[in-house]
Amino acid sequence: MDTPGSEFLRWIKTRKPARFNLAISGVLPCTLADLGARLEDIELAGPGSYGFHPLLQAIAAHCGVSSDSVVAASGTSMANFIAMAVLIQPGDEVLIEHPVSEPLLAAARYFAADIKRFPRNADIGDYVSKNTRLIVTTNLHNPTCERIEEQEMRELVRVAGDIGARVLVDEVYLECLYDQRSSAFPEGPHVICTSSLTKAYGLGGLRCGWILAEPDLARRMWQIKDLVDPSAPHPSEKLSVVAFQRLDALGQRAKDLIRRNREMLIQFLTATPELDAAVPEYGTCAFPRLKSGAADRLCELLHDEFDTDVVPGRFFEKPDHFRLGIGGDPNTLAEGLRRLRNTLESVR
């Protein structure tokens, strides 16, 4: 029997880090100074109940929902796992968009779903059946950061409701729209959304994630969470409350960084005929296609000879692509792109 888990996460965690890391998918990590945190903001022991009440209130206010619809989780990956643990029974037909991030597929396989696929931006009505129990999508899309427009999401939710299916939307990159974001959660009681502060704000170390679900479903998710993650580190909970209090400033820091880096990426792609890529208007990633040759070989050469990392597209079911992060340090991105240019020339 294969060992359960994510091939992509094993790759990330066991690979020798390159000096110029363009594989990161979030914003440059914040420091405590960026967070404005003080020593007195940290406590070791918390109440140990179903969520830290000030944090649940902060998440609820941020998302515009009632706190009884919020389940706190350790990042979006844990949120997706807990949500699927409640939403999927073995043998359930689950529709998952294509392409998709490998950990989402791995989780659905772990829960023994009967996985079907639908192309992103396709008419979902052509792919559902009377047996469909769950539809899974990401918005913004991982890995392209393409946005699902509100009317498209509304139609997906309508079709799911007509057949009695639920919709799970991973919205971690939607946070990169900042004050323009619009969650799918209000579209219907059968919609479940997951997200976190990790990607858009440079706060991955806090592991502040959440699930939005109708209250009865949220209570079931808290009970499943008892089995795998019964209590969160209280210092992280306290610091996450501080983060929500400073979220506008942290968002502005991130927007300035991404804007600068996106301009740099556009200039690079304009001068790089070997690659085909649409630069997303939002988000922290791009997903270029290598017009000829093997992207895996390019990624290996880039790592081994030029000390630079991107993510091979095979982890997103597109082996002729690679994912490139634009949320990091601008100097690192500039040098990484220069080395990518040199790698492409050597391959050519």
Foldseek 3Di string as FASTA:
>chain_A
DDDADFPQVVCVVPDDAFPQEQADFFAAADDCVLLVDDPVLFDFDDPLDQDDVLLLVLVCVQQVHDSLQKHKDQAQLRVLLLLCVLQDAAAQEEEEEAQAFRSNVSSCVVNNYPYDYDYPPDQCVVPDDLRHAEYEAEACGPPARNGDDPVNLLNVCVSCVVSNHAYEYEYAQLCQVPVPRDDCPVSDQRYKYKYACVGQQNHSVLSTIIMGHPNVSSVVSLVSCCVPPSDDRRRSSSSSSSCSVCVVSSNVVQVVQLVVLLVVVVVLVVPDPQWDWDRDPTGFKTKIFGPDDWVVVLQVCCCPPVSYHWAACVSRVRRRITMTTRNYDNVSSNSSSVSSVVSVVVVD
